[in-house]
């Protein structure tokens, strides 16, 4: 469900899903406003949203691995967040 929260930057149209066609408008297309699982853009859009959230909360992205974020607290201790997404069903 993570991909359902990613916005889209480009205009993407799709056929009406089977069983959900509007009577009399079967030749119309649906414009996607949010990312769907299976789109090539989905993982990238999800990561961009996650990255902007982390950066807005004071974390920095590691320069060697884009899935590692770190933040230094006022008392000198460090917080490390390692992002791992397993897409296997």
PDB file of N, CA and C in Angstrom:
ATOM      1  N   UNK A   1       0.811  -1.204   0.000  1.00  0.00           N
ATOM      2  CA  UNK A   1       0.000   0.000   0.000  1.00  0.00           C
ATOM      3  C   UNK A   1       0.850   1.261   0.000  1.00  0.00           C
ATOM      4  N   UNK A   2       2.154   1.128   0.208  1.00  0.00           N
ATOM      5  CA  UNK A   2       3.010   2.319   0.260  1.00  0.00           C
ATOM      6  C   UNK A   2       2.962   3.108  -1.044  1.00  0.00           C
ATOM      7  N   UNK A   3       2.881   2.415  -2.172  1.00  0.00           N
ATOM      8  CA  UNK A   3       2.888   3.104  -3.458  1.00  0.00           C
ATOM      9  C   UNK A   3       1.635   3.930  -3.677  1.00  0.00           C
ATOM     10  N   UNK A   4       0.560   3.648  -2.971  1.00  0.00           N
ATOM     11  CA  UNK A   4      -0.692   4.382  -3.173  1.00  0.00           C
ATOM     12  C   UNK A   4      -0.614   5.804  -2.646  1.00  0.00           C
ATOM     13  N   UNK A   5       0.425   6.133  -1.888  1.00  0.00           N
ATOM     14  CA  UNK A   5       0.551   7.468  -1.314  1.00  0.00           C
ATOM     15  C   UNK A   5       1.482   8.364  -2.122  1.00  0.00           C
ATOM     16  N   UNK A   6       2.053   7.860  -3.195  1.00  0.00           N
ATOM     17  CA  UNK A   6       2.953   8.658  -4.013  1.00  0.00           C
ATOM     18  C   UNK A   6       2.191   9.454  -5.046  1.00  0.00           C
ATOM     19  N   UNK A   7       2.475  10.737  -5.139  1.00  0.00           N
ATOM     20  CA  UNK A   7       1.852  11.571  -6.170  1.00  0.00           C
ATOM     21  C   UNK A   7       2.522  11.347  -7.511  1.00  0.00           C
ATOM     22  N   UNK A   8       1.901  11.820  -8.558  1.00  0.00           N
ATOM     23  CA  UNK A   8       2.469  11.690  -9.899  1.00  0.00           C
ATOM     24  C   UNK A   8       2.821  13.067 -10.439  1.00  0.00           C
ATOM     25  N   UNK A   9       3.941  13.154 -11.106  1.00  0.00           N
ATOM     26  CA  UNK A   9       4.370  14.422 -11.704  1.00  0.00           C
ATOM     27  C   UNK A   9       3.915  14.541 -13.148  1.00  0.00           C
ATOM     28  N   UNK A  10       3.735  13.397 -13.812  1.00  0.00           N
ATOM     29  CA  UNK A  10       3.323  13.442 -15.197  1.00  0.00           C
ATOM     30  C   UNK A  10       1.868  12.991 -15.330  1.00  0.00           C
ATOM     31  N   UNK A  11       1.280  13.291 -16.475  1.00  0.00           N
ATOM     32  CA  UNK A  11      -0.113  12.932 -16.733  1.00  0.00           C
ATOM     33  C   UNK A  11      -0.146  11.485 -17.229  1.00  0.00           C
ATOM     34  N   UNK A  12      -0.845  10.607 -16.484  1.00  0.00           N
ATOM     35  CA  UNK A  12      -0.930   9.197 -16.863  1.00  0.00           C
ATOM     36  C   UNK A  12      -2.400   8.822 -16.985  1.00  0.00           C
ATOM     37  N   UNK A  13      -2.741   8.232 -18.136  1.00  0.00           N
ATOM     38  CA  UNK A  13      -4.107   7.783 -18.397  1.00  0.00           C
ATOM     39  C   UNK A  13      -4.124   6.260 -18.476  1.00  0.00           C
ATOM     40  N   UNK A  14      -5.263   5.669 -18.082  1.00  0.00           N
ATOM     41  CA  UNK A  14      -5.408   4.217 -18.182  1.00  0.00           C
ATOM     42  C   UNK A  14      -6.828   3.875 -18.613  1.00  0.00           C
ATOM     43  N   UNK A  15      -6.982   2.665 -19.153  1.00  0.00           N
ATOM     44  CA  UNK A  15      -8.315   2.181 -19.495  1.00  0.00           C
ATOM     45  C   UNK A  15      -9.143   2.031 -18.233  1.00  0.00           C
ATOM     46  N   UNK A  16     -10.448   2.143 -18.384  1.00  0.00           N
ATOM     47  CA  UNK A  16     -11.322   1.890 -17.244  1.00  0.00           C
ATOM     48  C   UNK A  16     -11.166   0.418 -16.853  1.00  0.00           C
ATOM     49  N   UNK A  17     -11.022   0.137 -15.557  1.00  0.00           N
ATOM     50  CA  UNK A  17     -10.835  -1.249 -15.123  1.00  0.00           C
ATOM     51  C   UNK A  17     -12.046  -2.112 -15.486  1.00  0.00           C
ATOM     52  N   UNK A  18     -11.784  -3.353 -15.850  1.00  0.00           N
ATOM     53  CA  UNK A  18     -12.845  -4.281 -16.218  1.00  0.00           C
ATOM     54  C   UNK A  18     -13.824  -4.433 -15.054  1.00  0.00           C
ATOM     55  N   UNK A  19     -15.103  -4.307 -15.354  1.00  0.00           N
ATOM     56  CA  UNK A  19     -16.132  -4.397 -14.330  1.00  0.00           C
ATOM     57  C   UNK A  19     -16.496  -3.053 -13.727  1.00  0.00           C
ATOM     58  N   UNK A  20     -15.716  -2.015 -14.042  1.00  0.00           N
ATOM     59  CA  UNK A  20     -15.981  -0.678 -13.506  1.00  0.00           C
ATOM     60  C   UNK A  20     -16.198   0.342 -14.614  1.00  0.00           C
ATOM     61  N   UNK A  21     -16.492  -0.141 -15.833  1.00  0.00           N
ATOM     62  CA  UNK A  21     -16.731   0.771 -16.947  1.00  0.00           C
ATOM     63  C   UNK A  21     -18.029   1.534 -16.714  1.00  0.00           C
ATOM     64  N   UNK A  22     -18.014   2.801 -17.097  1.00  0.00           N
ATOM     65  CA  UNK A  22     -19.215   3.625 -17.004  1.00  0.00           C
ATOM     66  C   UNK A  22     -20.031   3.387 -18.275  1.00  0.00           C
ATOM     67  N   UNK A  23     -21.284   3.008 -18.102  1.00  0.00           N
ATOM     68  CA  UNK A  23     -22.152   2.699 -19.237  1.00  0.00           C
ATOM     69  C   UNK A  23     -22.283   3.926 -20.141  1.00  0.00           C
ATOM     70  N   UNK A  24     -22.048   3.709 -21.422  1.00  0.00           N
ATOM     71  CA  UNK A  24     -22.116   4.789 -22.403  1.00  0.00           C
ATOM     72  C   UNK A  24     -20.805   5.538 -22.562  1.00  0.00           C
ATOM     73  N   UNK A  25     -19.848   5.288 -21.680  1.00  0.00           N
ATOM     74  CA  UNK A  25     -18.547   5.970 -21.757  1.00  0.00           C
ATOM     75  C   UNK A  25     -17.408   4.954 -21.718  1.00  0.00           C
ATOM     76  N   UNK A  26     -17.640   3.801 -22.328  1.00  0.00           N
ATOM     77  CA  UNK A  26     -16.647   2.726 -22.289  1.00  0.00           C
ATOM     78  C   UNK A  26     -15.330   3.112 -22.959  1.00  0.00           C
ATOM     79  N   UNK A  27     -15.371   4.057 -23.886  1.00  0.00           N
ATOM     80  CA  UNK A  27     -14.160   4.472 -24.607  1.00  0.00           C
ATOM     81  C   UNK A  27     -13.387   5.571 -23.859  1.00  0.00           C
ATOM     82  N   UNK A  28     -13.901   6.038 -22.745  1.00  0.00           N
ATOM     83  CA  UNK A  28     -13.214   7.066 -21.953  1.00  0.00           C
ATOM     84  C   UNK A  28     -12.033   6.447 -21.204  1.00  0.00           C
ATOM     85  N   UNK A  29     -11.096   7.273 -20.819  1.00  0.00           N
ATOM     86  CA  UNK A  29      -9.941   6.825 -20.043  1.00  0.00           C
ATOM     87  C   UNK A  29      -9.984   7.467 -18.658  1.00  0.00           C
ATOM     88  N   UNK A  30      -9.275   6.873 -17.736  1.00  0.00           N
ATOM     89  CA  UNK A  30      -9.162   7.410 -16.372  1.00  0.00           C
ATOM     90  C   UNK A  30      -7.806   8.090 -16.225  1.00  0.00           C
ATOM     91  N   UNK A  31      -7.795   9.254 -15.616  1.00  0.00           N
ATOM     92  CA  UNK A  31      -6.532   9.928 -15.325  1.00  0.00           C
ATOM     93  C   UNK A  31      -6.136   9.590 -13.895  1.00  0.00           C
ATOM     94  N   UNK A  32      -4.921   9.086 -13.725  1.00  0.00           N
ATOM     95  CA  UNK A  32      -4.440   8.722 -12.399  1.00  0.00           C
ATOM     96  C   UNK A  32      -3.951   9.963 -11.667  1.00  0.00           C
ATOM     97  N   UNK A  33      -4.384  10.132 -10.440  1.00  0.00           N
ATOM     98  CA  UNK A  33      -3.923  11.232  -9.599  1.00  0.00           C
ATOM     99  C   UNK A  33      -2.872  10.758  -8.606  1.00  0.00           C
ATOM    100  N   UNK A  34      -2.907   9.481  -8.280  1.00  0.00           N
ATOM    101  CA  UNK A  34      -1.952   8.872  -7.357  1.00  0.00           C
ATOM    102  C   UNK A  34      -1.299   7.691  -8.046  1.00  0.00           C
ATOM    103  N   UNK A  35      -0.161   7.311  -7.530  1.00  0.00           N
ATOM    104  CA  UNK A  35       0.587   6.198  -8.091  1.00  0.00           C
ATOM    105  C   UNK A  35      -0.110   4.875  -7.810  1.00  0.00           C
ATOM    106  N   UNK A  36       0.011   3.931  -8.721  1.00  0.00           N
ATOM    107  CA  UNK A  36      -0.530   2.588  -8.554  1.00  0.00           C
ATOM    108  C   UNK A  36       0.608   1.583  -8.534  1.00  0.00           C
ATOM    109  N   UNK A  37       0.404   0.497  -7.803  1.00  0.00           N
ATOM    110  CA  UNK A  37       1.387  -0.575  -7.807  1.00  0.00           C
ATOM    111  C   UNK A  37       1.501  -1.124  -9.220  1.00  0.00           C
ATOM    112  N   UNK A  38       2.697  -1.276  -9.715  1.00  0.00           N
ATOM    113  CA  UNK A  38       2.908  -1.782 -11.061  1.00  0.00           C
ATOM    114  C   UNK A  38       3.369  -0.719 -12.045  1.00  0.00           C
ATOM    115  N   UNK A  39       3.156   0.550 -11.730  1.00  0.00           N
ATOM    116  CA  UNK A  39       3.664   1.613 -12.605  1.00  0.00           C
ATOM    117  C   UNK A  39       5.178   1.712 -12.445  1.00  0.00           C
ATOM    118  N   UNK A  40       5.857   2.016 -13.512  1.00  0.00           N
ATOM    119  CA  UNK A  40       7.313   2.173 -13.434  1.00  0.00           C
ATOM    120  C   UNK A  40       7.699   3.336 -12.527  1.00  0.00           C
ATOM    121  N   UNK A  41       6.843   4.346 -12.447  1.00  0.00           N
ATOM    122  CA  UNK A  41       7.138   5.538 -11.658  1.00  0.00           C
ATOM    123  C   UNK A  41       6.892   5.333 -10.165  1.00  0.00           C
ATOM    124  N   UNK A  42       6.156   4.311  -9.770  1.00  0.00           N
ATOM    125  CA  UNK A  42       5.722   4.147  -8.376  1.00  0.00           C
ATOM    126  C   UNK A  42       6.857   4.139  -7.362  1.00  0.00           C
ATOM    127  N   UNK A  43       7.877   3.296  -7.525  1.00  0.00           N
ATOM    128  CA  UNK A  43       8.941   3.286  -6.507  1.00  0.00           C
ATOM    129  C   UNK A  43       9.660   4.627  -6.394  1.00  0.00           C
ATOM    130  N   UNK A  44       9.913   5.273  -7.510  1.00  0.00           N
ATOM    131  CA  UNK A  44      10.620   6.550  -7.504  1.00  0.00           C
ATOM    132  C   UNK A  44       9.796   7.631  -6.811  1.00  0.00           C
ATOM    133  N   UNK A  45       8.506   7.685  -7.117  1.00  0.00           N
ATOM    134  CA  UNK A  45       7.639   8.682  -6.487  1.00  0.00           C
ATOM    135  C   UNK A  45       7.531   8.449  -4.986  1.00  0.00           C
ATOM    136  N   UNK A  46       7.445   7.189  -4.589  1.00  0.00           N
ATOM    137  CA  UNK A  46       7.374   6.867  -3.169  1.00  0.00           C
ATOM    138  C   UNK A  46       8.657   7.295  -2.464  1.00  0.00           C
ATOM    139  N   UNK A  47       9.809   6.996  -3.086  1.00  0.00           N
ATOM    140  CA  UNK A  47      11.083   7.362  -2.465  1.00  0.00           C
ATOM    141  C   UNK A  47      11.228   8.885  -2.373  1.00  0.00           C
ATOM    142  N   UNK A  48      10.821   9.617  -3.394  1.00  0.00           N
ATOM    143  CA  UNK A  48      10.930  11.082  -3.357  1.00  0.00           C
ATOM    144  C   UNK A  48      10.108  11.651  -2.213  1.00  0.00           C
ATOM    145  N   UNK A  49       8.934  11.093  -1.983  1.00  0.00           N
ATOM    146  CA  UNK A  49       8.096  11.576  -0.882  1.00  0.00           C
ATOM    147  C   UNK A  49       8.733  11.227   0.466  1.00  0.00           C
ATOM    148  N   UNK A  50       9.259  10.017   0.593  1.00  0.00           N
ATOM    149  CA  UNK A  50       9.925   9.600   1.828  1.00  0.00           C
ATOM    150  C   UNK A  50      11.146  10.475   2.096  1.00  0.00           C
ATOM    151  N   UNK A  51      11.956  10.716   1.075  1.00  0.00           N
ATOM    152  CA  UNK A  51      13.166  11.518   1.203  1.00  0.00           C
ATOM    153  C   UNK A  51      12.848  12.941   1.645  1.00  0.00           C
ATOM    154  N   UNK A  52      11.837  13.551   1.043  1.00  0.00           N
ATOM    155  CA  UNK A  52      11.497  14.926   1.425  1.00  0.00           C
ATOM    156  C   UNK A  52      10.997  14.979   2.868  1.00  0.00           C
ATOM    157  N   UNK A  53      10.287  13.944   3.314  1.00  0.00           N
ATOM    158  CA  UNK A  53       9.830  13.880   4.703  1.00  0.00           C
ATOM    159  C   UNK A  53      11.022  13.806   5.656  1.00  0.00           C
ATOM    160  N   UNK A  54      11.966  12.930   5.361  1.00  0.00           N
ATOM    161  CA  UNK A  54      13.124  12.756   6.242  1.00  0.00           C
ATOM    162  C   UNK A  54      13.961  14.036   6.305  1.00  0.00           C
ATOM    163  N   UNK A  55      14.205  14.655   5.182  1.00  0.00           N
ATOM    164  CA  UNK A  55      15.004  15.880   5.138  1.00  0.00           C
ATOM    165  C   UNK A  55      14.285  17.005   5.870  1.00  0.00           C
ATOM    166  N   UNK A  56      12.963  17.072   5.747  1.00  0.00           N
ATOM    167  CA  UNK A  56      12.208  18.115   6.441  1.00  0.00           C
ATOM    168  C   UNK A  56      12.221  17.930   7.962  1.00  0.00           C
ATOM    169  N   UNK A  57      12.543  16.741   8.428  1.00  0.00           N
ATOM    170  CA  UNK A  57      12.619  16.472   9.861  1.00  0.00           C
ATOM    171  C   UNK A  57      14.071  16.461  10.367  1.00  0.00           C
ATOM    172  N   UNK A  58      14.969  17.060   9.598  1.00  0.00           N
ATOM    173  CA  UNK A  58      16.336  17.273  10.059  1.00  0.00           C
ATOM    174  C   UNK A  58      17.313  16.151   9.793  1.00  0.00           C
ATOM    175  N   UNK A  59      16.921  15.140   9.053  1.00  0.00           N
ATOM    176  CA  UNK A  59      17.844  14.056   8.721  1.00  0.00           C
ATOM    177  C   UNK A  59      18.622  14.412   7.459  1.00  0.00           C
ATOM    178  N   UNK A  60      19.818  13.875   7.371  1.00  0.00           N
ATOM    179  CA  UNK A  60      20.637  14.050   6.173  1.00  0.00           C
ATOM    180  C   UNK A  60      20.801  12.697   5.501  1.00  0.00           C
ATOM    181  N   UNK A  61      20.776  12.705   4.166  1.00  0.00           N
ATOM    182  CA  UNK A  61      20.987  11.478   3.398  1.00  0.00           C
ATOM    183  C   UNK A  61      22.482  11.201   3.325  1.00  0.00           C
ATOM    184  N   UNK A  62      22.857   9.953   3.508  1.00  0.00           N
ATOM    185  CA  UNK A  62      24.253   9.553   3.417  1.00  0.00           C
ATOM    186  C   UNK A  62      24.736   9.723   1.982  1.00  0.00           C
ATOM    187  N   UNK A  63      25.938  10.236   1.806  1.00  0.00           N
ATOM    188  CA  UNK A  63      26.446  10.489   0.454  1.00  0.00           C
ATOM    189  C   UNK A  63      26.880   9.206  -0.259  1.00  0.00           C
ATOM    190  N   UNK A  64      27.064   8.119   0.479  1.00  0.00           N
ATOM    191  CA  UNK A  64      27.493   6.862  -0.129  1.00  0.00           C
ATOM    192  C   UNK A  64      26.332   5.902  -0.389  1.00  0.00           C
ATOM    193  N   UNK A  65      25.273   6.021   0.387  1.00  0.00           N
ATOM    194  CA  UNK A  65      24.116   5.141   0.230  1.00  0.00           C
ATOM    195  C   UNK A  65      22.852   5.967   0.448  1.00  0.00           C
ATOM    196  N   UNK A  66      22.039   6.112  -0.591  1.00  0.00           N
ATOM    197  CA  UNK A  66      20.863   6.980  -0.514  1.00  0.00           C
ATOM    198  C   UNK A  66      19.753   6.419   0.372  1.00  0.00           C
ATOM    199  N   UNK A  67      19.918   5.218   0.889  1.00  0.00           N
ATOM    200  CA  UNK A  67      18.901   4.625   1.769  1.00  0.00           C
ATOM    201  C   UNK A  67      19.303   4.691   3.234  1.00  0.00           C
ATOM    202  N   UNK A  68      20.347   5.455   3.548  1.00  0.00           N
ATOM    203  CA  UNK A  68      20.794   5.638   4.929  1.00  0.00           C
ATOM    204  C   UNK A  68      20.665   7.123   5.268  1.00  0.00           C
ATOM    205  N   UNK A  69      19.968   7.391   6.355  1.00  0.00           N
ATOM    206  CA  UNK A  69      19.782   8.761   6.837  1.00  0.00           C
ATOM    207  C   UNK A  69      20.368   8.860   8.235  1.00  0.00           C
ATOM    208  N   UNK A  70      20.874  10.039   8.568  1.00  0.00           N
ATOM    209  CA  UNK A  70      21.431  10.229   9.906  1.00  0.00           C
ATOM    210  C   UNK A  70      21.119  11.627  10.414  1.00  0.00           C
ATOM    211  N   UNK A  71      21.096  11.730  11.747  1.00  0.00           N
ATOM    212  CA  UNK A  71      20.838  13.007  12.398  1.00  0.00           C
ATOM    213  C   UNK A  71      21.592  13.021  13.722  1.00  0.00           C
ATOM    214  N   UNK A  72      22.180  14.161  14.036  1.00  0.00           N
ATOM    215  CA  UNK A  72      22.916  14.296  15.291  1.00  0.00           C
ATOM    216  C   UNK A  72      22.049  15.053  16.293  1.00  0.00           C
ATOM    217  N   UNK A  73      21.875  14.472  17.473  1.00  0.00           N
ATOM    218  CA  UNK A  73      21.082  15.101  18.519  1.00  0.00           C
ATOM    219  C   UNK A  73      21.911  16.126  19.277  1.00  0.00           C
ATOM    220  N   UNK A  74      21.250  16.956  20.060  1.00  0.00           N
ATOM    221  CA  UNK A  74      21.930  18.013  20.817  1.00  0.00           C
ATOM    222  C   UNK A  74      22.938  17.455  21.818  1.00  0.00           C
ATOM    223  N   UNK A  75      22.674  16.272  22.359  1.00  0.00           N
ATOM    224  CA  UNK A  75      23.601  15.688  23.339  1.00  0.00           C
ATOM    225  C   UNK A  75      24.771  14.960  22.682  1.00  0.00           C
ATOM    226  N   UNK A  76      24.866  15.008  21.371  1.00  0.00           N
ATOM    227  CA  UNK A  76      25.992  14.415  20.651  1.00  0.00           C
ATOM    228  C   UNK A  76      25.734  13.012  20.129  1.00  0.00           C
ATOM    229  N   UNK A  77      24.658  12.382  20.557  1.00  0.00           N
ATOM    230  CA  UNK A  77      24.378  11.031  20.054  1.00  0.00           C
ATOM    231  C   UNK A  77      23.803  11.114  18.640  1.00  0.00           C
ATOM    232  N   UNK A  78      23.904  10.017  17.928  1.00  0.00           N
ATOM    233  CA  UNK A  78      23.472   9.957  16.526  1.00  0.00           C
ATOM    234  C   UNK A  78      22.276   9.036  16.370  1.00  0.00           C
ATOM    235  N   UNK A  79      21.428   9.378  15.416  1.00  0.00           N
ATOM    236  CA  UNK A  79      20.327   8.509  15.006  1.00  0.00           C
ATOM    237  C   UNK A  79      20.607   8.109  13.561  1.00  0.00           C
ATOM    238  N   UNK A  80      20.570   6.812  13.309  1.00  0.00           N
ATOM    239  CA  UNK A  80      20.718   6.293  11.949  1.00  0.00           C
ATOM    240  C   UNK A  80      19.438   5.587  11.557  1.00  0.00           C
ATOM    241  N   UNK A  81      18.948   5.860  10.362  1.00  0.00           N
ATOM    242  CA  UNK A  81      17.782   5.180   9.836  1.00  0.00           C
ATOM    243  C   UNK A  81      18.194   4.528   8.527  1.00  0.00           C
ATOM    244  N   UNK A  82      18.024   3.228   8.462  1.00  0.00           N
ATOM    245  CA  UNK A  82      18.342   2.480   7.245  1.00  0.00           C
ATOM    246  C   UNK A  82      17.046   2.025   6.607  1.00  0.00           C
ATOM    247  N   UNK A  83      16.833   2.403   5.374  1.00  0.00           N
ATOM    248  CA  UNK A  83      15.592   2.095   4.656  1.00  0.00           C
ATOM    249  C   UNK A  83      15.773   0.812   3.860  1.00  0.00           C
ATOM    250  N   UNK A  84      14.888  -0.137   4.091  1.00  0.00           N
ATOM    251  CA  UNK A  84      14.898  -1.384   3.345  1.00  0.00           C
ATOM    252  C   UNK A  84      13.465  -1.712   2.986  1.00  0.00           C
ATOM    253  N   UNK A  85      13.187  -1.895   1.709  1.00  0.00           N
ATOM    254  CA  UNK A  85      11.847  -2.232   1.249  1.00  0.00           C
ATOM    255  C   UNK A  85      11.914  -3.591   0.571  1.00  0.00           C
ATOM    256  N   UNK A  86      11.143  -4.521   1.090  1.00  0.00           N
ATOM    257  CA  UNK A  86      11.069  -5.860   0.510  1.00  0.00           C
ATOM    258  C   UNK A  86       9.771  -5.948  -0.269  1.00  0.00           C
ATOM    259  N   UNK A  87       9.866  -6.062  -1.572  1.00  0.00           N
ATOM    260  CA  UNK A  87       8.693  -6.057  -2.437  1.00  0.00           C
ATOM    261  C   UNK A  87       8.262  -7.461  -2.839  1.00  0.00           C
ATOM    262  N   UNK A  88       8.700  -8.455  -2.092  1.00  0.00           N
ATOM    263  CA  UNK A  88       8.348  -9.838  -2.453  1.00  0.00           C
ATOM    264  C   UNK A  88       7.017 -10.201  -1.808  1.00  0.00           C
ATOM    265  N   UNK A  89       6.178 -10.855  -2.557  1.00  0.00           N
ATOM    266  CA  UNK A  89       4.869 -11.270  -2.034  1.00  0.00           C
ATOM    267  C   UNK A  89       4.934 -12.700  -1.569  1.00  0.00           C
TER     268      UNK A  89
END
